[in-house]
Amino acid sequence: MWSGGGRGSSRSGGDLGLPGDGPGDGEGSGFSRGGADPGLSWSSGYPGPSGSGEDPGLSSADAEPGPWWSREATGFSPGGADPRSSGGGEEPLPPWGPPPAEPPTPATFPPGPTPPGFHAESLRGRTPKEPPGAAVPPRPTAPPHPAPPGAAAPEDALPEPVLTVPHQPPPVDHVGSGPPTYDAEPTALPPADPDDLDDLVADTVLDGARYGASTLRAASVRGDSARFRGEPRRDSLLTARFGAGEHALVLVAMATGARATPGAHRAAAEACRWIGRAVGRSHARLAEDIRAARRGDLKSGLHRLTDRSLGKLRASAAEQGIEPEEYTAGLRCLLLTGDPECRTRVFFGVGDGGLFRLRDGEWQDIEPRVAETTGEAVVGFGSLPHETPEGDRLTMDLGITTPPSPYEPAPEPPREPFRFRASVARPGDTLLLCTGGLAEPLRGEPQLCEHLTERWSAAEPPGLAAFLADTQVRVKGYADDRTVAAVWEA
């Protein structure tokens, strides 16, 4: 036992092996080995009357815990072996002795009370069936050795996850023989009137939706030529939904104003508004006819709505004092229903453009053809009979033009033929409706068709940003506005 002593150092027993132990090293420390000091003992927190550090009035079970330097806290006892001692049976080493060769194992303490809502199992990785004091198995330090090629896999082994990334070509700026002449980005803005700011047209319009079994993407972009010259976009785009649920009707209308006319963008926007109002007021009947596949009723009804809308456009030109051919627009529309069981897609309109379908990796041009009669009239096909039913002979027409009468109104310019097509889509189809700005390069540049085939043949339709990038792929020699709407079938 170590106890306090007088001045100096004395040894009565074996050498402690302390560094610097010799005469004069323990001077002033007050420690000696062998004797017991009634004033201080390492074996008890409170000295007893005999100097042994034990209270005869208290048993070991009733003894109060001592301070931090007692044997209960430090782990030293006069009779037990110190874990830091060099061998069993030897007396314990002092606290300032050298560290043991092997560190002692950490002591395990019982868990304390857990607050409400605290789950120790979730933090320690234990299952609810294990007791709270169960030891956590150590983590493996090295990965297990792989099984030999001929060995069978265990039953509970899970297959390794494999990430499959579909191949999709990156978007490109242009295709064809070379880069276009104009810049890819807008250069000049159109002029603005401070008193008529509503007349301004945005450079790009982008929209999209998903109804029933179809996903819609639509965009209208100013052409490279208009971007360079600071002209407004002549194309106009309207996407609208009328009704709700399975009875909803989705309209996509696009119009192109006449070239080289000052109000072309206004005529295109007005044409889209007029046809939108006409379809919206009759959307319930139109949706019913589409679901019932009444092709004849649809064609005649939509023809009347189109003529009425373009007639109002000609009336607006007369009110403005503009010639009708200067304030006109080509109009192309697409109708979809919100019924997932109905895959009938209806196209109608007048003017140039394109209607294409991507099916099984191939583009199909399904634009309705308008029959045009050329050449001179023949008997039985457009010519007058040589005599009347009463037998009277008709005089020969010498081809002399009759001068117009000042009392008769001027004849109207020839109207564009009405185009109509109702098609049934298949799962995986992509229907593409566009104006002439995209229809012409699609028909004239095979590389553009190949690029869009690779981009749009994925299982999922492209996002809005990707669709816009695809519609802006430029081709040398084609710099008009582009307005396009595509429908992906689930």
Protein backbone atom coordinates (compact mmCIF):
# COMPACT_ATOMS: atom_id res chain seq x y z
CA MET A 1 0.00 0.00 0.00
CA TRP A 2 1.07 3.49 -0.85
CA SER A 3 0.71 6.01 1.91
CA GLY A 4 1.97 9.43 2.79
CA GLY A 5 5.14 9.57 4.88
CA GLY A 6 7.71 11.97 6.00
CA ARG A 7 10.17 13.77 3.95
CA GLY A 8 12.39 11.66 1.80
CA SER A 9 11.92 8.34 0.19
CA SER A 10 12.43 4.86 1.66
CA ARG A 11 11.98 1.44 0.09
CA SER A 12 11.02 -1.73 1.90
CA GLY A 13 10.53 -4.36 -0.72
CA GLY A 14 11.21 -4.94 -4.40
CA ASP A 15 12.15 -2.22 -6.86
CA LEU A 16 9.23 -0.42 -8.40
CA GLY A 17 11.08 0.18 -11.62
CA LEU A 18 10.20 3.88 -11.66
CA PRO A 19 12.36 6.05 -13.81
CA GLY A 20 14.76 8.27 -11.94
CA ASP A 21 14.30 6.32 -8.66
CA GLY A 22 17.21 6.99 -6.37
CA PRO A 23 18.35 8.97 -3.38
CA GLY A 24 16.92 12.40 -3.47
CA ASP A 25 14.26 11.71 -6.20
CA GLY A 26 11.48 11.26 -3.65
CA GLU A 27 12.41 14.22 -1.54
CA GLY A 28 9.43 16.34 -0.88
CA SER A 29 6.98 13.82 -2.35
CA GLY A 30 6.01 12.40 1.03
CA PHE A 31 5.50 8.85 -0.20
CA SER A 32 7.07 5.67 1.20
CA ARG A 33 6.47 2.03 0.63
CA GLY A 34 5.59 -0.34 3.41
CA GLY A 35 4.17 1.72 6.22
CA ALA A 36 0.54 2.77 6.57
CA ASP A 37 -0.34 6.39 7.04
CA PRO A 38 -3.37 7.10 9.20
CA GLY A 39 -3.97 10.33 7.31
CA LEU A 40 -4.15 9.19 3.69
CA SER A 41 -4.73 5.85 1.99
CA TRP A 42 -5.29 4.85 -1.68
CA SER A 43 -7.67 2.08 -0.61
CA SER A 44 -10.44 4.25 0.75
CA GLY A 45 -11.91 7.63 0.27
CA TYR A 46 -12.31 8.37 4.00
CA PRO A 47 -9.60 7.35 6.49
CA GLY A 48 -10.71 5.19 9.39
CA PRO A 49 -9.39 5.27 12.93
CA SER A 50 -6.91 2.46 12.31
CA GLY A 51 -5.44 4.09 9.19
CA SER A 52 -6.52 1.21 6.93
CA GLY A 53 -9.08 3.27 5.10
CA GLU A 54 -12.09 1.15 6.15
CA ASP A 55 -14.99 2.18 8.35
CA PRO A 56 -15.85 -0.57 10.84
CA GLY A 57 -19.38 0.71 11.10
CA LEU A 58 -20.25 0.30 7.40
CA SER A 59 -20.32 -2.89 5.38
CA SER A 60 -19.20 -3.14 1.78
CA ALA A 61 -22.79 -3.14 0.56
CA ASP A 62 -23.77 -0.02 2.56
CA ALA A 63 -20.64 1.94 1.81
CA GLU A 64 -21.22 5.18 0.00
CA PRO A 65 -19.38 5.71 -3.29
CA GLY A 66 -16.17 7.64 -2.93
CA PRO A 67 -14.82 10.52 -4.90
CA TRP A 68 -13.13 10.29 -8.28
CA TRP A 69 -9.82 9.14 -6.79
CA SER A 70 -11.28 6.26 -4.76
CA ARG A 71 -10.68 2.67 -5.66
CA GLU A 72 -14.21 2.29 -6.97
CA ALA A 73 -13.51 5.02 -9.54
CA THR A 74 -9.87 4.24 -10.29
CA GLY A 75 -10.07 0.45 -10.16
CA PHE A 76 -7.13 0.02 -7.74
CA SER A 77 -7.40 -2.34 -4.77
CA PRO A 78 -4.76 -3.55 -2.34
CA GLY A 79 -5.41 -7.22 -2.91
CA GLY A 80 -6.53 -7.36 -6.55
CA ALA A 81 -4.38 -7.30 -9.62
CA ASP A 82 -4.07 -4.08 -11.55
CA PRO A 83 -4.69 -4.49 -15.22
CA ARG A 84 -1.64 -2.31 -15.87
CA SER A 85 0.68 -4.49 -13.79
CA SER A 86 3.28 -6.56 -15.57
CA GLY A 87 2.26 -9.90 -14.07
CA GLY A 88 -0.38 -11.50 -11.90
CA GLY A 89 0.23 -11.43 -8.15
CA GLU A 90 2.34 -8.32 -8.22
CA GLU A 91 1.29 -5.22 -6.42
CA PRO A 92 -0.49 -2.53 -8.46
CA LEU A 93 1.46 0.14 -10.24
CA PRO A 94 1.01 3.79 -9.36
CA PRO A 95 -1.06 5.97 -11.68
CA TRP A 96 2.05 7.60 -13.12
CA GLY A 97 3.58 4.25 -14.09
CA PRO A 98 4.26 3.23 -17.67
CA PRO A 99 1.24 2.09 -19.77
CA PRO A 100 0.63 -1.65 -20.09
CA ALA A 101 1.68 -3.58 -23.17
CA GLU A 102 -1.95 -4.44 -24.03
CA PRO A 103 -4.71 -1.93 -23.29
CA PRO A 104 -7.52 -3.21 -21.09
CA THR A 105 -10.84 -4.05 -22.67
CA PRO A 106 -13.51 -1.37 -22.25
CA ALA A 107 -16.04 -1.90 -19.53
CA THR A 108 -19.69 -2.42 -20.45
CA PHE A 109 -22.19 -0.29 -18.61
CA PRO A 110 -25.93 -0.93 -18.46
CA PRO A 111 -28.01 1.43 -20.62
CA GLY A 112 -29.66 4.35 -18.95
CA PRO A 113 -33.30 5.38 -19.24
CA THR A 114 -34.44 6.18 -22.77
CA PRO A 115 -36.50 9.31 -23.45
CA PRO A 116 -39.93 9.02 -25.06
CA GLY A 117 -39.84 8.45 -28.79
CA PHE A 118 -36.23 7.21 -28.81
CA HIS A 119 -35.51 3.87 -30.48
CA ALA A 120 -32.06 2.56 -29.77
CA GLU A 121 -32.50 -0.32 -32.20
CA SER A 122 -32.68 2.01 -35.19
CA LEU A 123 -29.37 3.64 -34.26
CA ARG A 124 -27.40 0.55 -33.30
CA GLY A 125 -28.73 -1.64 -36.08
CA ARG A 126 -30.39 -4.13 -33.71
CA THR A 127 -33.64 -5.84 -34.50
CA PRO A 128 -36.59 -5.39 -32.15
CA LYS A 129 -36.18 -9.01 -30.96
CA GLU A 130 -32.69 -8.40 -29.55
CA PRO A 131 -32.39 -7.18 -25.95
CA PRO A 132 -31.30 -3.58 -25.43
CA GLY A 133 -27.93 -4.62 -24.03
CA ALA A 134 -27.06 -7.02 -26.82
CA ALA A 135 -23.64 -6.54 -28.32
CA VAL A 136 -23.43 -5.30 -31.86
CA PRO A 137 -21.45 -7.67 -34.10
CA PRO A 138 -18.32 -6.10 -35.54
CA ARG A 139 -18.31 -5.03 -39.16
CA PRO A 140 -16.18 -7.03 -41.56
CA THR A 141 -12.90 -5.33 -42.37
CA ALA A 142 -12.37 -7.11 -45.69
CA PRO A 143 -14.86 -8.12 -48.40
CA PRO A 144 -15.75 -11.80 -48.56
CA HIS A 145 -13.93 -13.96 -51.05
CA PRO A 146 -15.88 -14.53 -54.28
CA ALA A 147 -17.35 -17.94 -54.80
CA PRO A 148 -15.68 -20.21 -57.35
CA PRO A 149 -17.23 -20.28 -60.83
CA GLY A 150 -18.77 -23.73 -60.38
CA ALA A 151 -20.25 -23.12 -56.94
CA ALA A 152 -24.00 -22.65 -56.59
CA ALA A 153 -25.28 -19.31 -55.29
CA PRO A 154 -27.03 -19.32 -51.92
CA GLU A 155 -30.79 -19.26 -51.94
CA ASP A 156 -31.07 -15.93 -50.15
CA ALA A 157 -28.53 -14.20 -52.42
CA LEU A 158 -29.98 -11.20 -54.25
CA PRO A 159 -28.95 -10.37 -57.83
CA GLU A 160 -26.70 -7.39 -58.20
CA PRO A 161 -28.56 -4.31 -59.49
CA VAL A 162 -27.67 -3.33 -63.04
CA LEU A 163 -28.23 0.25 -64.21
CA THR A 164 -29.30 0.34 -67.83
CA VAL A 165 -29.03 3.73 -69.52
CA PRO A 166 -30.83 3.92 -72.88
CA HIS A 167 -28.69 5.21 -75.70
CA GLN A 168 -29.90 8.54 -77.05
CA PRO A 169 -27.92 10.71 -79.43
CA PRO A 170 -27.07 14.17 -78.14
CA PRO A 171 -28.87 17.18 -79.59
CA VAL A 172 -27.16 18.88 -82.50
CA ASP A 173 -27.23 22.43 -83.81
CA HIS A 174 -27.66 21.67 -87.50
CA VAL A 175 -27.75 18.86 -90.04
CA GLY A 176 -27.14 18.74 -93.74
CA SER A 177 -24.34 19.84 -96.01
CA GLY A 178 -23.08 22.63 -93.76
CA PRO A 179 -23.94 25.22 -91.13
CA PRO A 180 -26.64 27.76 -92.01
CA THR A 181 -25.75 31.32 -92.90
CA TYR A 182 -27.56 32.97 -89.99
CA ASP A 183 -26.62 32.82 -86.33
CA ALA A 184 -28.22 30.19 -84.14
CA GLU A 185 -29.39 32.72 -81.53
CA PRO A 186 -31.62 35.80 -81.95
CA THR A 187 -29.87 38.94 -83.13
CA ALA A 188 -32.42 41.77 -83.28
CA LEU A 189 -35.77 42.37 -81.57
CA PRO A 190 -38.83 43.53 -83.53
CA PRO A 191 -39.73 47.23 -83.27
CA ALA A 192 -42.21 48.14 -80.53
CA ASP A 193 -44.94 50.77 -80.35
CA PRO A 194 -45.23 52.32 -76.87
CA ASP A 195 -48.98 52.79 -77.36
CA ASP A 196 -49.57 49.21 -78.59
CA LEU A 197 -47.37 46.89 -76.56
CA ASP A 198 -49.93 44.10 -76.82
CA ASP A 199 -48.88 43.78 -80.45
CA LEU A 200 -45.49 42.37 -79.45
CA VAL A 201 -44.87 38.69 -80.15
CA ALA A 202 -42.45 36.54 -78.17
CA ASP A 203 -39.55 34.90 -79.98
CA THR A 204 -40.39 31.41 -78.66
CA VAL A 205 -43.53 29.77 -77.26
CA LEU A 206 -43.40 26.36 -75.54
CA ASP A 207 -46.23 24.27 -74.10
CA GLY A 208 -47.07 20.71 -73.16
CA ALA A 209 -49.64 18.50 -71.45
CA ARG A 210 -50.71 14.89 -70.90
CA TYR A 211 -54.29 13.71 -71.34
CA GLY A 212 -55.60 10.21 -71.61
CA ALA A 213 -53.08 7.99 -73.35
CA SER A 214 -51.27 10.82 -75.15
CA THR A 215 -48.51 13.28 -74.27
CA LEU A 216 -48.50 16.62 -76.06
CA ARG A 217 -45.54 18.87 -76.83
CA ALA A 218 -45.94 22.13 -78.78
CA ALA A 219 -43.53 24.92 -79.72
CA SER A 220 -43.37 27.95 -82.00
CA VAL A 221 -39.97 29.50 -82.80
CA ARG A 222 -39.04 32.56 -84.84
CA GLY A 223 -37.01 31.72 -87.92
CA ASP A 224 -33.36 32.59 -88.42
CA SER A 225 -34.19 35.13 -91.11
CA ALA A 226 -36.67 37.01 -88.89
CA ARG A 227 -34.26 36.88 -85.97
CA PHE A 228 -31.54 38.48 -88.05
CA ARG A 229 -33.75 41.18 -89.59
CA GLY A 230 -35.66 42.03 -86.42
CA GLU A 231 -39.05 40.96 -87.76
CA PRO A 232 -41.84 39.52 -85.59
CA ARG A 233 -42.72 35.84 -85.69
CA ARG A 234 -45.41 35.28 -88.33
CA ASP A 235 -46.48 31.97 -86.83
CA SER A 236 -49.01 31.79 -84.01
CA LEU A 237 -49.73 28.88 -81.63
CA LEU A 238 -52.79 28.19 -79.50
CA THR A 239 -53.23 25.22 -77.13
CA ALA A 240 -56.51 25.01 -75.23
CA ARG A 241 -58.57 22.47 -73.28
CA PHE A 242 -62.35 22.59 -73.18
CA GLY A 243 -64.26 20.46 -70.67
CA ALA A 244 -62.87 18.10 -68.05
CA GLY A 245 -62.22 14.42 -67.49
CA GLU A 246 -63.02 11.95 -70.24
CA HIS A 247 -65.23 14.53 -71.96
CA ALA A 248 -62.37 17.02 -72.36
CA LEU A 249 -61.35 18.20 -75.81
CA VAL A 250 -57.82 19.48 -76.49
CA LEU A 251 -57.28 21.86 -79.40
CA VAL A 252 -53.91 22.71 -80.94
CA ALA A 253 -54.19 25.49 -83.54
CA MET A 254 -51.32 27.00 -85.51
CA ALA A 255 -51.46 29.68 -88.18
CA THR A 256 -48.97 31.36 -90.51
CA GLY A 257 -49.48 34.90 -91.76
CA ALA A 258 -48.88 35.95 -95.33
CA ARG A 259 -45.26 36.61 -96.25
CA ALA A 260 -44.00 40.19 -96.64
CA THR A 261 -47.10 41.80 -95.09
CA PRO A 262 -46.92 44.16 -92.12
CA GLY A 263 -49.78 42.59 -90.15
CA ALA A 264 -48.96 38.93 -90.77
CA HIS A 265 -48.45 38.12 -87.07
CA ARG A 266 -51.74 39.81 -86.14
CA ALA A 267 -53.67 37.88 -88.81
CA ALA A 268 -52.20 34.57 -87.61
CA ALA A 269 -53.06 35.30 -83.97
CA GLU A 270 -56.61 36.38 -84.91
CA ALA A 271 -57.17 33.22 -86.94
CA CYS A 272 -56.17 31.07 -83.96
CA ARG A 273 -58.52 33.00 -81.66
CA TRP A 274 -61.48 32.69 -84.01
CA ILE A 275 -61.12 28.95 -84.50
CA GLY A 276 -60.54 28.52 -80.77
CA ARG A 277 -63.82 30.25 -79.96
CA ALA A 278 -65.72 28.23 -82.57
CA VAL A 279 -64.35 24.87 -81.36
CA GLY A 280 -64.78 25.78 -77.69
CA ARG A 281 -68.47 26.55 -78.09
CA SER A 282 -69.06 23.20 -79.82
CA HIS A 283 -66.57 21.08 -77.86
CA ALA A 284 -69.18 18.75 -76.31
CA ARG A 285 -70.62 17.73 -79.68
CA LEU A 286 -67.17 17.46 -81.27
CA ALA A 287 -65.84 15.24 -78.47
CA GLU A 288 -68.87 12.97 -78.78
CA ASP A 289 -68.43 12.68 -82.55
CA ILE A 290 -64.74 11.83 -82.16
CA ARG A 291 -65.43 9.08 -79.62
CA ALA A 292 -68.22 7.69 -81.82
CA ALA A 293 -66.01 7.90 -84.97
CA ARG A 294 -68.58 9.94 -86.93
CA ARG A 295 -66.18 10.92 -89.69
CA GLY A 296 -68.74 12.50 -92.00
CA ASP A 297 -70.24 14.71 -89.29
CA LEU A 298 -66.80 15.78 -88.16
CA LYS A 299 -65.63 16.75 -91.63
CA SER A 300 -68.70 18.81 -92.50
CA GLY A 301 -68.91 20.49 -89.10
CA LEU A 302 -65.24 21.42 -88.93
CA HIS A 303 -65.37 22.68 -92.52
CA ARG A 304 -68.13 25.11 -91.55
CA LEU A 305 -66.24 26.27 -88.46
CA THR A 306 -63.09 26.87 -90.51
CA ASP A 307 -64.88 28.85 -93.22
CA ARG A 308 -66.64 30.93 -90.59
CA SER A 309 -63.37 31.75 -88.82
CA LEU A 310 -61.56 32.72 -92.02
CA GLY A 311 -64.59 34.74 -93.11
CA LYS A 312 -64.32 36.81 -89.95
CA LEU A 313 -60.66 37.31 -90.75
CA ARG A 314 -61.58 38.72 -94.18
CA ALA A 315 -64.16 40.96 -92.54
CA SER A 316 -61.51 42.26 -90.18
CA ALA A 317 -59.30 43.08 -93.16
CA ALA A 318 -62.12 45.08 -94.72
CA GLU A 319 -62.61 47.04 -91.49
CA GLN A 320 -58.91 47.92 -91.47
CA GLY A 321 -58.93 48.90 -95.14
CA ILE A 322 -56.53 46.09 -96.08
CA GLU A 323 -56.80 43.80 -99.06
CA PRO A 324 -58.03 40.31 -98.05
CA GLU A 325 -54.96 38.59 -99.51
CA GLU A 326 -52.72 40.79 -97.34
CA TYR A 327 -54.54 39.92 -94.12
CA THR A 328 -54.93 36.18 -94.30
CA ALA A 329 -53.32 33.13 -92.74
CA GLY A 330 -53.00 29.40 -93.22
CA LEU A 331 -54.69 27.50 -90.40
CA ARG A 332 -53.92 23.98 -89.21
CA CYS A 333 -55.55 22.32 -86.19
CA LEU A 334 -55.44 19.07 -84.22
CA LEU A 335 -58.13 17.68 -81.91
CA LEU A 336 -57.56 15.18 -79.08
CA THR A 337 -59.97 13.82 -76.49
CA GLY A 338 -59.34 13.21 -72.81
CA ASP A 339 -60.79 9.69 -73.01
CA PRO A 340 -57.92 7.18 -72.60
CA GLU A 341 -59.88 4.58 -74.57
CA CYS A 342 -60.21 6.85 -77.61
CA ARG A 343 -57.15 7.06 -79.86
CA THR A 344 -58.77 8.94 -82.75
CA ARG A 345 -56.78 12.03 -83.77
CA VAL A 346 -58.48 14.59 -86.03
CA PHE A 347 -56.62 17.05 -88.24
CA PHE A 348 -58.28 19.83 -90.22
CA GLY A 349 -57.40 23.19 -91.72
CA VAL A 350 -56.29 25.09 -94.81
CA GLY A 351 -52.88 26.10 -96.08
CA ASP A 352 -49.47 24.55 -96.49
CA GLY A 353 -47.72 22.52 -93.85
CA GLY A 354 -47.13 18.93 -92.90
CA LEU A 355 -48.74 16.04 -91.08
CA PHE A 356 -46.34 13.18 -90.33
CA ARG A 357 -46.41 10.00 -88.28
CA LEU A 358 -43.46 8.15 -86.78
CA ARG A 359 -44.35 4.46 -86.59
CA ASP A 360 -41.93 1.56 -86.08
CA GLY A 361 -38.93 3.80 -86.64
CA GLU A 362 -40.12 5.21 -90.01
CA TRP A 363 -41.65 8.55 -90.92
CA GLN A 364 -44.90 8.54 -92.89
CA ASP A 365 -46.20 11.63 -94.70
CA ILE A 366 -49.96 11.47 -94.11
CA GLU A 367 -50.80 15.02 -95.23
CA PRO A 368 -54.21 14.93 -97.01
CA ARG A 369 -53.75 15.39 -100.73
CA VAL A 370 -55.91 17.94 -102.48
CA ALA A 371 -57.07 16.91 -105.95
CA GLU A 372 -56.04 19.48 -108.50
CA THR A 373 -57.49 19.48 -112.02
CA THR A 374 -55.02 20.57 -114.68
CA GLY A 375 -55.27 20.79 -118.46
CA GLU A 376 -58.19 21.64 -120.68
CA ALA A 377 -61.70 20.44 -120.05
CA VAL A 378 -62.78 17.19 -121.66
CA VAL A 379 -66.23 15.85 -122.37
CA GLY A 380 -67.73 14.30 -119.32
CA PHE A 381 -65.30 15.91 -116.91
CA GLY A 382 -66.01 19.57 -116.29
CA SER A 383 -67.02 20.66 -119.80
CA LEU A 384 -70.45 21.78 -120.91
CA PRO A 385 -72.56 19.45 -123.10
CA HIS A 386 -72.62 20.18 -126.81
CA GLU A 387 -76.41 20.66 -126.80
CA THR A 388 -79.26 21.29 -124.42
CA PRO A 389 -81.77 18.61 -123.40
CA GLU A 390 -84.23 20.20 -125.83
CA GLY A 391 -81.80 19.66 -128.70
CA ASP A 392 -80.66 23.24 -129.18
CA ARG A 393 -77.08 23.69 -130.29
CA LEU A 394 -74.83 25.87 -128.18
CA THR A 395 -72.80 28.63 -129.72
CA MET A 396 -69.06 28.35 -129.70
CA ASP A 397 -67.18 30.22 -126.99
CA LEU A 398 -64.55 32.43 -128.59
CA GLY A 399 -62.78 33.07 -125.29
CA ILE A 400 -63.54 36.82 -125.20
CA THR A 401 -63.40 38.09 -121.62
CA THR A 402 -66.47 40.00 -120.49
CA PRO A 403 -65.56 43.27 -118.75
CA PRO A 404 -66.56 43.41 -115.08
CA SER A 405 -69.71 45.28 -114.26
CA PRO A 406 -69.30 48.27 -111.97
CA TYR A 407 -72.50 47.26 -110.20
CA GLU A 408 -71.31 43.80 -109.19
CA PRO A 409 -68.94 43.20 -106.29
CA ALA A 410 -65.39 42.17 -107.05
CA PRO A 411 -64.90 38.43 -107.05
CA GLU A 412 -63.25 36.97 -103.96
CA PRO A 413 -59.79 35.47 -104.27
CA PRO A 414 -59.74 31.71 -104.64
CA ARG A 415 -59.92 30.02 -101.31
CA GLU A 416 -57.55 27.37 -100.08
CA PRO A 417 -58.97 23.85 -100.20
CA PHE A 418 -60.10 22.36 -96.90
CA ARG A 419 -57.99 19.50 -95.54
CA PHE A 420 -59.28 16.84 -93.18
CA ARG A 421 -57.98 13.57 -91.82
CA ALA A 422 -59.10 11.34 -88.95
CA SER A 423 -56.61 8.61 -88.02
CA VAL A 424 -56.45 6.01 -85.28
CA ALA A 425 -53.17 5.96 -83.37
CA ARG A 426 -51.34 2.89 -82.16
CA PRO A 427 -49.30 2.54 -78.96
CA GLY A 428 -45.82 3.86 -79.66
CA ASP A 429 -46.85 6.21 -82.49
CA THR A 430 -45.74 9.84 -82.68
CA LEU A 431 -47.98 12.22 -84.61
CA LEU A 432 -46.36 15.43 -85.84
CA LEU A 433 -48.28 18.49 -87.08
CA CYS A 434 -46.25 21.47 -88.27
CA THR A 435 -46.25 24.54 -90.47
CA GLY A 436 -44.23 24.90 -93.65
CA GLY A 437 -41.15 26.07 -91.74
CA LEU A 438 -40.51 22.50 -90.53
CA ALA A 439 -42.44 20.51 -93.14
CA GLU A 440 -40.19 21.65 -95.98
CA PRO A 441 -36.85 20.61 -94.38
CA LEU A 442 -38.40 17.32 -93.25
CA ARG A 443 -39.28 16.54 -96.86
CA GLY A 444 -36.03 17.92 -98.26
CA GLU A 445 -33.32 16.80 -95.82
CA PRO A 446 -33.16 13.08 -94.93
CA GLN A 447 -30.64 13.70 -92.14
CA LEU A 448 -33.22 15.71 -90.21
CA CYS A 449 -35.66 12.80 -90.36
CA GLU A 450 -32.97 10.39 -89.17
CA HIS A 451 -32.01 12.66 -86.29
CA LEU A 452 -35.59 13.11 -85.08
CA THR A 453 -36.18 9.37 -85.41
CA GLU A 454 -33.31 8.62 -83.05
CA ARG A 455 -34.34 11.36 -80.64
CA TRP A 456 -38.05 10.53 -80.50
CA SER A 457 -38.00 6.72 -80.57
CA ALA A 458 -37.34 6.37 -76.83
CA ALA A 459 -39.85 4.81 -74.47
CA GLU A 460 -40.63 8.15 -72.83
CA PRO A 461 -41.43 11.38 -74.68
CA PRO A 462 -38.86 14.18 -74.40
CA GLY A 463 -39.21 16.96 -71.90
CA LEU A 464 -40.10 20.49 -72.87
CA ALA A 465 -36.48 21.67 -73.08
CA ALA A 466 -35.38 18.64 -75.10
CA PHE A 467 -38.36 18.98 -77.44
CA LEU A 468 -37.55 22.63 -78.05
CA ALA A 469 -33.94 21.75 -78.85
CA ASP A 470 -35.09 19.10 -81.34
CA THR A 471 -37.44 21.46 -83.15
CA GLN A 472 -34.65 24.04 -83.53
CA VAL A 473 -32.23 21.77 -85.39
CA ARG A 474 -31.35 23.94 -88.36
CA VAL A 475 -30.90 23.05 -92.01
CA LYS A 476 -29.09 25.23 -94.51
CA GLY A 477 -31.51 26.92 -96.87
CA TYR A 478 -34.52 26.81 -94.52
CA ALA A 479 -34.89 29.90 -92.31
CA ASP A 480 -38.67 30.37 -91.84
CA ASP A 481 -40.62 30.29 -88.59
CA ARG A 482 -41.30 26.84 -87.17
CA THR A 483 -44.44 25.83 -85.32
CA VAL A 484 -44.86 22.18 -84.40
CA ALA A 485 -47.03 19.98 -82.21
CA ALA A 486 -46.20 16.33 -81.48
CA VAL A 487 -48.29 13.70 -79.73
CA TRP A 488 -46.73 10.59 -78.18
CA GLU A 489 -48.99 7.58 -77.64
CA ALA A 490 -48.41 5.63 -74.43
